Amino acid sequence: IRPENFDLSETNEGIAVDVAVVEELGADSFIYGTLAGVAEDEKL
């Protein structure tokens, strides 16, 4: 899945992602994260 083909879900549908970093570039933002549910010591 290309980064630009993702949309933020308004409902409880979609791939759950824990956001680690947000890059705000003005018109767009990139969010970087891992699948939700990954243990904290395994996220790196």
All heavy atoms as atom14 arrays in JSON, in Angstrom:
{
  "sequence": "IRPENFDLSETNEGIAVDVAVVEELGADSFIYGTLAGVAEDEKL",
  "atom14_mask": [
    [1, 1, 1, 1, 1, 1, 1, 1, 0, 0, 0, 0, 0, 0],
    [1, 1, 1, 1, 1, 1, 1, 1, 1, 1, 1, 0, 0, 0],
    [1, 1, 1, 1, 1, 1, 1, 0, 0, 0, 0, 0, 0, 0],
    [1, 1, 1, 1, 1, 1, 1, 1, 1, 0, 0, 0, 0, 0],
    [1, 1, 1, 1, 1, 1, 1, 1, 0, 0, 0, 0, 0, 0],
    [1, 1, 1, 1, 1, 1, 1, 1, 1, 1, 1, 0, 0, 0],
    [1, 1, 1, 1, 1, 1, 1, 1, 0, 0, 0, 0, 0, 0],
    [1, 1, 1, 1, 1, 1, 1, 1, 0, 0, 0, 0, 0, 0],
    [1, 1, 1, 1, 1, 1, 0, 0, 0, 0, 0, 0, 0, 0],
    [1, 1, 1, 1, 1, 1, 1, 1, 1, 0, 0, 0, 0, 0],
    [1, 1, 1, 1, 1, 1, 1, 0, 0, 0, 0, 0, 0, 0],
    [1, 1, 1, 1, 1, 1, 1, 1, 0, 0, 0, 0, 0, 0],
    [1, 1, 1, 1, 1, 1, 1, 1, 1, 0, 0, 0, 0, 0],
    [1, 1, 1, 1, 0, 0, 0, 0, 0, 0, 0, 0, 0, 0],
    [1, 1, 1, 1, 1, 1, 1, 1, 0, 0, 0, 0, 0, 0],
    [1, 1, 1, 1, 1, 0, 0, 0, 0, 0, 0, 0, 0, 0],
    [1, 1, 1, 1, 1, 1, 1, 0, 0, 0, 0, 0, 0, 0],
    [1, 1, 1, 1, 1, 1, 1, 1, 0, 0, 0, 0, 0, 0],
    [1, 1, 1, 1, 1, 1, 1, 0, 0, 0, 0, 0, 0, 0],
    [1, 1, 1, 1, 1, 0, 0, 0, 0, 0, 0, 0, 0, 0],
    [1, 1, 1, 1, 1, 1, 1, 0, 0, 0, 0, 0, 0, 0],
    [1, 1, 1, 1, 1, 1, 1, 0, 0, 0, 0, 0, 0, 0],
    [1, 1, 1, 1, 1, 1, 1, 1, 1, 0, 0, 0, 0, 0],
    [1, 1, 1, 1, 1, 1, 1, 1, 1, 0, 0, 0, 0, 0],
    [1, 1, 1, 1, 1, 1, 1, 1, 0, 0, 0, 0, 0, 0],
    [1, 1, 1, 1, 0, 0, 0, 0, 0, 0, 0, 0, 0, 0],
    [1, 1, 1, 1, 1, 0, 0, 0, 0, 0, 0, 0, 0, 0],
    [1, 1, 1, 1, 1, 1, 1, 1, 0, 0, 0, 0, 0, 0],
    [1, 1, 1, 1, 1, 1, 0, 0, 0, 0, 0, 0, 0, 0],
    [1, 1, 1, 1, 1, 1, 1, 1, 1, 1, 1, 0, 0, 0],
    [1, 1, 1, 1, 1, 1, 1, 1, 0, 0, 0, 0, 0, 0],
    [1, 1, 1, 1, 1, 1, 1, 1, 1, 1, 1, 1, 0, 0],
    [1, 1, 1, 1, 0, 0, 0, 0, 0, 0, 0, 0, 0, 0],
    [1, 1, 1, 1, 1, 1, 1, 0, 0, 0, 0, 0, 0, 0],
    [1, 1, 1, 1, 1, 1, 1, 1, 0, 0, 0, 0, 0, 0],
    [1, 1, 1, 1, 1, 0, 0, 0, 0, 0, 0, 0, 0, 0],
    [1, 1, 1, 1, 0, 0, 0, 0, 0, 0, 0, 0, 0, 0],
    [1, 1, 1, 1, 1, 1, 1, 0, 0, 0, 0, 0, 0, 0],
    [1, 1, 1, 1, 1, 0, 0, 0, 0, 0, 0, 0, 0, 0],
    [1, 1, 1, 1, 1, 1, 1, 1, 1, 0, 0, 0, 0, 0],
    [1, 1, 1, 1, 1, 1, 1, 1, 0, 0, 0, 0, 0, 0],
    [1, 1, 1, 1, 1, 1, 1, 1, 1, 0, 0, 0, 0, 0],
    [1, 1, 1, 1, 1, 1, 1, 1, 1, 0, 0, 0, 0, 0],
    [1, 1, 1, 1, 1, 1, 1, 1, 0, 0, 0, 0, 0, 0]
  ],
  "atom14_positions": [
    [[0.86, -1.19, 0.0], [0.0, 0.0, 0.0], [0.89, 1.24, 0.0], [1.74, 1.4, 0.88], [-0.93, 0.03, 1.24], [-1.76, -1.26, 1.31], [-1.84, 1.24, 1.19], [-2.52, -1.42, 2.62], [0.0, 0.0, 0.0], [0.0, 0.0, 0.0], [0.0, 0.0, 0.0], [0.0, 0.0, 0.0], [0.0, 0.0, 0.0], [0.0, 0.0, 0.0]],
    [[0.71, 2.1, -0.99], [1.46, 3.35, -1.04], [1.0, 4.26, 0.1], [-0.19, 4.29, 0.44], [1.23, 4.06, -2.38], [1.8, 3.33, -3.59], [3.26, 3.55, -3.74], [3.83, 2.87, -4.9], [5.11, 2.6, -5.02], [5.96, 2.96, -4.07], [5.58, 1.99, -6.1], [0.0, 0.0, 0.0], [0.0, 0.0, 0.0], [0.0, 0.0, 0.0]],
    [[1.92, 5.04, 0.69], [1.53, 5.94, 1.78], [0.36, 6.86, 1.45], [-0.5, 7.11, 2.3], [2.81, 6.73, 2.05], [3.91, 5.82, 1.64], [3.38, 5.07, 0.45], [0.0, 0.0, 0.0], [0.0, 0.0, 0.0], [0.0, 0.0, 0.0], [0.0, 0.0, 0.0], [0.0, 0.0, 0.0], [0.0, 0.0, 0.0], [0.0, 0.0, 0.0]],
    [[0.31, 7.34, 0.19], [-0.75, 8.29, -0.17], [-2.1, 7.61, -0.4], [-3.12, 8.28, -0.56], [-0.35, 9.08, -1.43], [-0.26, 8.24, -2.69], [1.13, 7.67, -2.93], [1.92, 7.58, -1.96], [1.43, 7.31, -4.09], [0.0, 0.0, 0.0], [0.0, 0.0, 0.0], [0.0, 0.0, 0.0], [0.0, 0.0, 0.0], [0.0, 0.0, 0.0]],
    [[-2.12, 6.27, -0.42], [-3.38, 5.56, -0.63], [-4.1, 5.22, 0.67], [-5.16, 4.62, 0.66], [-3.14, 4.27, -1.44], [-2.69, 4.55, -2.87], [-1.87, 3.84, -3.43], [-3.2, 5.62, -3.46], [0.0, 0.0, 0.0], [0.0, 0.0, 0.0], [0.0, 0.0, 0.0], [0.0, 0.0, 0.0], [0.0, 0.0, 0.0], [0.0, 0.0, 0.0]],
    [[-3.52, 5.6, 1.79], [-4.19, 5.44, 3.08], [-5.11, 6.63, 3.34], [-4.82, 7.76, 2.95], [-3.17, 5.38, 4.22], [-2.57, 4.03, 4.46], [-1.19, 3.86, 4.5], [-3.37, 2.9, 4.67], [-0.62, 2.62, 4.73], [-2.82, 1.66, 4.91], [-1.44, 1.51, 4.93], [0.0, 0.0, 0.0], [0.0, 0.0, 0.0], [0.0, 0.0, 0.0]],
    [[-6.22, 6.36, 4.03], [-7.1, 7.43, 4.52], [-7.35, 7.19, 6.0], [-7.47, 6.05, 6.45], [-8.44, 7.41, 3.78], [-8.32, 7.98, 2.38], [-7.71, 9.04, 2.22], [-8.85, 7.35, 1.43], [0.0, 0.0, 0.0], [0.0, 0.0, 0.0], [0.0, 0.0, 0.0], [0.0, 0.0, 0.0], [0.0, 0.0, 0.0], [0.0, 0.0, 0.0]],
    [[-7.43, 8.29, 6.76], [-7.81, 8.16, 8.17], [-9.27, 7.72, 8.26], [-10.14, 8.33, 7.64], [-7.62, 9.49, 8.9], [-6.21, 9.86, 9.35], [-6.21, 11.24, 9.98], [-5.68, 8.84, 10.35], [0.0, 0.0, 0.0], [0.0, 0.0, 0.0], [0.0, 0.0, 0.0], [0.0, 0.0, 0.0], [0.0, 0.0, 0.0], [0.0, 0.0, 0.0]],
    [[-9.52, 6.67, 9.02], [-10.87, 6.14, 9.14], [-11.7, 6.98, 10.1], [-11.21, 7.43, 11.14], [-10.81, 4.69, 9.62], [-12.12, 4.19, 9.83], [0.0, 0.0, 0.0], [0.0, 0.0, 0.0], [0.0, 0.0, 0.0], [0.0, 0.0, 0.0], [0.0, 0.0, 0.0], [0.0, 0.0, 0.0], [0.0, 0.0, 0.0], [0.0, 0.0, 0.0]],
    [[-12.95, 7.19, 9.72], [-13.88, 7.91, 10.59], [-14.6, 6.94, 11.52], [-15.28, 7.34, 12.46], [-14.92, 8.66, 9.73], [-14.34, 9.7, 8.79], [-13.8, 10.92, 9.5], [-14.3, 11.22, 10.6], [-12.87, 11.57, 8.98], [0.0, 0.0, 0.0], [0.0, 0.0, 0.0], [0.0, 0.0, 0.0], [0.0, 0.0, 0.0], [0.0, 0.0, 0.0]],
    [[-14.47, 5.63, 11.21], [-15.15, 4.59, 12.0], [-14.12, 3.7, 12.66], [-12.95, 4.07, 12.78], [-16.05, 3.75, 11.08], [-15.22, 3.05, 10.13], [-17.02, 4.64, 10.3], [0.0, 0.0, 0.0], [0.0, 0.0, 0.0], [0.0, 0.0, 0.0], [0.0, 0.0, 0.0], [0.0, 0.0, 0.0], [0.0, 0.0, 0.0], [0.0, 0.0, 0.0]],
    [[-14.55, 2.52, 13.07], [-13.63, 1.57, 13.7], [-13.07, 0.57, 12.69], [-12.58, -0.49, 13.07], [-14.35, 0.83, 14.84], [-13.36, 0.3, 15.88], [-12.35, 0.94, 16.14], [-13.66, -0.85, 16.46], [0.0, 0.0, 0.0], [0.0, 0.0, 0.0], [0.0, 0.0, 0.0], [0.0, 0.0, 0.0], [0.0, 0.0, 0.0], [0.0, 0.0, 0.0]],
    [[-13.2, 0.9, 11.4], [-12.69, 0.04, 10.34], [-11.27, 0.49, 9.95], [-10.95, 1.67, 10.02], [-13.59, 0.12, 9.11], [-14.93, -0.59, 9.28], [-14.75, -2.09, 9.29], [-14.22, -2.64, 8.31], [-15.14, -2.72, 10.29], [0.0, 0.0, 0.0], [0.0, 0.0, 0.0], [0.0, 0.0, 0.0], [0.0, 0.0, 0.0], [0.0, 0.0, 0.0]],
    [[-10.44, -0.46, 9.51], [-9.12, -0.12, 9.0], [-8.0, -0.76, 9.81], [-8.24, -1.42, 10.84], [0.0, 0.0, 0.0], [0.0, 0.0, 0.0], [0.0, 0.0, 0.0], [0.0, 0.0, 0.0], [0.0, 0.0, 0.0], [0.0, 0.0, 0.0], [0.0, 0.0, 0.0], [0.0, 0.0, 0.0], [0.0, 0.0, 0.0], [0.0, 0.0, 0.0]],
    [[-6.78, -0.59, 9.31], [-5.6, -1.13, 9.98], [-5.26, -0.25, 11.17], [-5.06, 0.96, 11.02], [-4.41, -1.18, 9.0], [-4.72, -2.07, 7.79], [-3.14, -1.69, 9.69], [-3.68, -2.03, 6.69], [0.0, 0.0, 0.0], [0.0, 0.0, 0.0], [0.0, 0.0, 0.0], [0.0, 0.0, 0.0], [0.0, 0.0, 0.0], [0.0, 0.0, 0.0]],
    [[-5.21, -0.84, 12.36], [-4.9, -0.08, 13.57], [-3.4, 0.16, 13.67], [-2.6, -0.78, 13.6], [-5.41, -0.84, 14.8], [0.0, 0.0, 0.0], [0.0, 0.0, 0.0], [0.0, 0.0, 0.0], [0.0, 0.0, 0.0], [0.0, 0.0, 0.0], [0.0, 0.0, 0.0], [0.0, 0.0, 0.0], [0.0, 0.0, 0.0], [0.0, 0.0, 0.0]],
    [[-3.02, 1.43, 13.8], [-1.61, 1.82, 13.83], [-1.34, 2.7, 15.04], [-2.06, 3.68, 15.28], [-1.22, 2.57, 12.53], [0.22, 3.08, 12.61], [-1.4, 1.69, 11.32], [0.0, 0.0, 0.0], [0.0, 0.0, 0.0], [0.0, 0.0, 0.0], [0.0, 0.0, 0.0], [0.0, 0.0, 0.0], [0.0, 0.0, 0.0], [0.0, 0.0, 0.0]],
    [[-0.31, 2.36, 15.81], [0.17, 3.22, 16.89], [1.13, 4.23, 16.31], [2.18, 3.86, 15.75], [0.88, 2.39, 17.97], [-0.09, 1.51, 18.76], [-1.28, 1.85, 18.82], [0.34, 0.47, 19.29], [0.0, 0.0, 0.0], [0.0, 0.0, 0.0], [0.0, 0.0, 0.0], [0.0, 0.0, 0.0], [0.0, 0.0, 0.0], [0.0, 0.0, 0.0]],
    [[0.81, 5.51, 16.38], [1.62, 6.57, 15.75], [2.84, 6.86, 16.62], [2.72, 7.19, 17.8], [0.78, 7.84, 15.56], [1.64, 8.94, 14.93], [-0.43, 7.55, 14.7], [0.0, 0.0, 0.0], [0.0, 0.0, 0.0], [0.0, 0.0, 0.0], [0.0, 0.0, 0.0], [0.0, 0.0, 0.0], [0.0, 0.0, 0.0], [0.0, 0.0, 0.0]],
    [[4.03, 6.76, 16.0], [5.28, 7.03, 16.72], [5.83, 8.41, 16.38], [6.35, 9.12, 17.24], [6.32, 5.97, 16.39], [0.0, 0.0, 0.0], [0.0, 0.0, 0.0], [0.0, 0.0, 0.0], [0.0, 0.0, 0.0], [0.0, 0.0, 0.0], [0.0, 0.0, 0.0], [0.0, 0.0, 0.0], [0.0, 0.0, 0.0], [0.0, 0.0, 0.0]],
    [[5.72, 8.8, 15.11], [6.28, 10.08, 14.64], [5.3, 10.72, 13.67], [4.69, 10.01, 12.85], [7.65, 9.88, 13.94], [8.16, 11.2, 13.37], [8.66, 9.28, 14.9], [0.0, 0.0, 0.0], [0.0, 0.0, 0.0], [0.0, 0.0, 0.0], [0.0, 0.0, 0.0], [0.0, 0.0, 0.0], [0.0, 0.0, 0.0], [0.0, 0.0, 0.0]],
    [[5.16, 12.03, 13.74], [4.36, 12.78, 12.77], [5.25, 13.84, 12.14], [5.85, 14.65, 12.84], [3.14, 13.46, 13.44], [2.35, 14.26, 12.4], [2.24, 12.43, 14.1], [0.0, 0.0, 0.0], [0.0, 0.0, 0.0], [0.0, 0.0, 0.0], [0.0, 0.0, 0.0], [0.0, 0.0, 0.0], [0.0, 0.0, 0.0], [0.0, 0.0, 0.0]],
    [[5.36, 13.82, 10.81], [6.11, 14.85, 10.08], [5.11, 15.78, 9.42], [4.42, 15.37, 8.48], [7.02, 14.21, 9.02], [8.2, 13.44, 9.57], [9.09, 12.89, 8.46], [8.68, 12.95, 7.28], [10.18, 12.4, 8.78], [0.0, 0.0, 0.0], [0.0, 0.0, 0.0], [0.0, 0.0, 0.0], [0.0, 0.0, 0.0], [0.0, 0.0, 0.0]],
    [[5.01, 17.01, 9.89], [4.07, 17.97, 9.33], [4.79, 18.82, 8.29], [5.73, 19.55, 8.6], [3.49, 18.84, 10.43], [2.65, 18.05, 11.43], [2.0, 18.92, 12.49], [2.38, 20.1, 12.56], [1.15, 18.41, 13.22], [0.0, 0.0, 0.0], [0.0, 0.0, 0.0], [0.0, 0.0, 0.0], [0.0, 0.0, 0.0], [0.0, 0.0, 0.0]],
    [[4.33, 18.7, 7.03], [5.0, 19.37, 5.93], [4.17, 20.49, 5.33], [4.49, 21.0, 4.26], [5.34, 18.34, 4.82], [6.17, 17.14, 5.28], [6.36, 16.16, 4.12], [7.54, 17.6, 5.8], [0.0, 0.0, 0.0], [0.0, 0.0, 0.0], [0.0, 0.0, 0.0], [0.0, 0.0, 0.0], [0.0, 0.0, 0.0], [0.0, 0.0, 0.0]],
    [[3.11, 20.87, 6.02], [2.26, 21.94, 5.5], [1.02, 21.37, 4.85], [0.02, 21.1, 5.51], [0.0, 0.0, 0.0], [0.0, 0.0, 0.0], [0.0, 0.0, 0.0], [0.0, 0.0, 0.0], [0.0, 0.0, 0.0], [0.0, 0.0, 0.0], [0.0, 0.0, 0.0], [0.0, 0.0, 0.0], [0.0, 0.0, 0.0], [0.0, 0.0, 0.0]],
    [[1.07, 21.18, 3.53], [-0.08, 20.65, 2.8], [-0.36, 19.21, 3.21], [-1.51, 18.78, 3.25], [0.16, 20.73, 1.3], [0.0, 0.0, 0.0], [0.0, 0.0, 0.0], [0.0, 0.0, 0.0], [0.0, 0.0, 0.0], [0.0, 0.0, 0.0], [0.0, 0.0, 0.0], [0.0, 0.0, 0.0], [0.0, 0.0, 0.0], [0.0, 0.0, 0.0]],
    [[0.69, 18.45, 3.48], [0.55, 17.04, 3.85], [1.29, 16.77, 5.14], [2.15, 17.55, 5.57], [1.13, 16.13, 2.75], [0.39, 16.26, 1.44], [-0.85, 16.2, 1.46], [1.05, 16.43, 0.4], [0.0, 0.0, 0.0], [0.0, 0.0, 0.0], [0.0, 0.0, 0.0], [0.0, 0.0, 0.0], [0.0, 0.0, 0.0], [0.0, 0.0, 0.0]],
    [[0.98, 15.61, 5.71], [1.72, 15.11, 6.86], [2.01, 13.63, 6.63], [1.21, 12.92, 6.01], [0.93, 15.27, 8.16], [0.77, 16.62, 8.5], [0.0, 0.0, 0.0], [0.0, 0.0, 0.0], [0.0, 0.0, 0.0], [0.0, 0.0, 0.0], [0.0, 0.0, 0.0], [0.0, 0.0, 0.0], [0.0, 0.0, 0.0], [0.0, 0.0, 0.0]],
    [[3.15, 13.18, 7.12], [3.46, 11.75, 7.11], [3.37, 11.25, 8.54], [3.94, 11.86, 9.46], [4.87, 11.5, 6.57], [4.98, 11.67, 5.08], [5.6, 12.79, 4.53], [4.46, 10.72, 4.22], [5.71, 12.96, 3.17], [4.55, 10.88, 2.84], [5.17, 11.99, 2.32], [0.0, 0.0, 0.0], [0.0, 0.0, 0.0], [0.0, 0.0, 0.0]],
    [[2.66, 10.15, 8.73], [2.62, 9.51, 10.04], [3.37, 8.19, 9.94], [3.22, 7.44, 8.99], [1.19, 9.3, 10.55], [0.36, 8.43, 9.6], [0.49, 10.63, 10.77], [-1.0, 8.05, 10.17], [0.0, 0.0, 0.0], [0.0, 0.0, 0.0], [0.0, 0.0, 0.0], [0.0, 0.0, 0.0], [0.0, 0.0, 0.0], [0.0, 0.0, 0.0]],
    [[4.22, 7.94, 10.93], [5.01, 6.71, 11.0], [4.6, 5.97, 12.26], [4.52, 6.56, 13.34], [6.5, 7.04, 11.07], [7.04, 7.76, 9.86], [6.88, 9.14, 9.72], [7.74, 7.09, 8.86], [7.38, 9.82, 8.62], [8.24, 7.76, 7.75], [8.05, 9.12, 7.64], [8.55, 9.8, 6.54], [0.0, 0.0, 0.0], [0.0, 0.0, 0.0]],
    [[4.36, 4.68, 12.11], [3.97, 3.91, 13.27], [4.11, 2.42, 13.05], [4.7, 1.97, 12.06], [0.0, 0.0, 0.0], [0.0, 0.0, 0.0], [0.0, 0.0, 0.0], [0.0, 0.0, 0.0], [0.0, 0.0, 0.0], [0.0, 0.0, 0.0], [0.0, 0.0, 0.0], [0.0, 0.0, 0.0], [0.0, 0.0, 0.0], [0.0, 0.0, 0.0]],
    [[3.58, 1.65, 13.99], [3.6, 0.18, 13.9], [2.19, -0.32, 14.13], [1.31, 0.4, 14.62], [4.53, -0.42, 14.96], [4.16, 0.09, 16.24], [5.99, -0.06, 14.68], [0.0, 0.0, 0.0], [0.0, 0.0, 0.0], [0.0, 0.0, 0.0], [0.0, 0.0, 0.0], [0.0, 0.0, 0.0], [0.0, 0.0, 0.0], [0.0, 0.0, 0.0]],
    [[1.95, -1.58, 13.74], [0.65, -2.19, 13.97], [0.31, -2.11, 15.46], [1.16, -2.37, 16.31], [0.65, -3.65, 13.52], [0.55, -3.92, 12.02], [0.66, -5.41, 11.75], [-0.77, -3.39, 11.46], [0.0, 0.0, 0.0], [0.0, 0.0, 0.0], [0.0, 0.0, 0.0], [0.0, 0.0, 0.0], [0.0, 0.0, 0.0], [0.0, 0.0, 0.0]],
    [[-0.91, -1.75, 15.76], [-1.35, -1.67, 17.15], [-1.26, -3.05, 17.79], [-1.49, -4.08, 17.13], [-2.78, -1.15, 17.22], [0.0, 0.0, 0.0], [0.0, 0.0, 0.0], [0.0, 0.0, 0.0], [0.0, 0.0, 0.0], [0.0, 0.0, 0.0], [0.0, 0.0, 0.0], [0.0, 0.0, 0.0], [0.0, 0.0, 0.0], [0.0, 0.0, 0.0]],
    [[-0.91, -3.07, 19.05], [-0.82, -4.35, 19.76], [0.6, -4.87, 19.89], [0.84, -5.84, 20.61], [0.0, 0.0, 0.0], [0.0, 0.0, 0.0], [0.0, 0.0, 0.0], [0.0, 0.0, 0.0], [0.0, 0.0, 0.0], [0.0, 0.0, 0.0], [0.0, 0.0, 0.0], [0.0, 0.0, 0.0], [0.0, 0.0, 0.0], [0.0, 0.0, 0.0]],
    [[1.56, -4.24, 19.21], [2.96, -4.66, 19.33], [3.49, -4.21, 20.7], [3.28, -3.06, 21.1], [3.83, -4.06, 18.2], [5.29, -4.4, 18.4], [3.35, -4.57, 16.85], [0.0, 0.0, 0.0], [0.0, 0.0, 0.0], [0.0, 0.0, 0.0], [0.0, 0.0, 0.0], [0.0, 0.0, 0.0], [0.0, 0.0, 0.0], [0.0, 0.0, 0.0]],
    [[4.17, -5.11, 21.39], [4.71, -4.78, 22.71], [5.7, -3.62, 22.6], [6.41, -3.48, 21.59], [5.41, -5.99, 23.32], [0.0, 0.0, 0.0], [0.0, 0.0, 0.0], [0.0, 0.0, 0.0], [0.0, 0.0, 0.0], [0.0, 0.0, 0.0], [0.0, 0.0, 0.0], [0.0, 0.0, 0.0], [0.0, 0.0, 0.0], [0.0, 0.0, 0.0]],
    [[5.74, -2.78, 23.64], [6.56, -1.57, 23.62], [8.02, -1.87, 23.34], [8.69, -1.15, 22.59], [6.42, -0.85, 24.97], [6.84, 0.61, 24.92], [5.94, 1.46, 24.02], [4.72, 1.22, 23.98], [6.49, 2.35, 23.35], [0.0, 0.0, 0.0], [0.0, 0.0, 0.0], [0.0, 0.0, 0.0], [0.0, 0.0, 0.0], [0.0, 0.0, 0.0]],
    [[8.57, -2.96, 23.93], [9.98, -3.27, 23.73], [10.27, -3.88, 22.37], [11.43, -4.1, 22.01], [10.47, -4.21, 24.84], [9.67, -5.51, 24.88], [8.58, -5.54, 24.26], [10.13, -6.48, 25.52], [0.0, 0.0, 0.0], [0.0, 0.0, 0.0], [0.0, 0.0, 0.0], [0.0, 0.0, 0.0], [0.0, 0.0, 0.0], [0.0, 0.0, 0.0]],
    [[9.22, -4.15, 21.57], [9.41, -4.74, 20.25], [9.17, -3.72, 19.13], [9.38, -4.02, 17.96], [8.47, -5.93, 20.05], [8.76, -7.1, 20.99], [7.74, -8.22, 20.81], [6.85, -8.08, 19.94], [7.84, -9.22, 21.53], [0.0, 0.0, 0.0], [0.0, 0.0, 0.0], [0.0, 0.0, 0.0], [0.0, 0.0, 0.0], [0.0, 0.0, 0.0]],
    [[8.74, -2.51, 19.51], [8.34, -1.54, 18.48], [9.51, -1.05, 17.62], [9.33, -0.71, 16.46], [7.62, -0.36, 19.13], [6.2, -0.71, 19.55], [5.39, 0.49, 19.92], [3.94, 0.09, 20.19], [3.08, 1.23, 20.51], [0.0, 0.0, 0.0], [0.0, 0.0, 0.0], [0.0, 0.0, 0.0], [0.0, 0.0, 0.0], [0.0, 0.0, 0.0]],
    [[10.69, -1.0, 18.21], [11.85, -0.53, 17.44], [12.2, -1.48, 16.31], [12.74, -1.06, 15.28], [13.06, -0.33, 18.36], [13.03, 0.9, 19.27], [14.23, 0.93, 20.18], [12.96, 2.19, 18.44], [0.0, 0.0, 0.0], [0.0, 0.0, 0.0], [0.0, 0.0, 0.0], [0.0, 0.0, 0.0], [0.0, 0.0, 0.0], [0.0, 0.0, 0.0]]
  ]
}
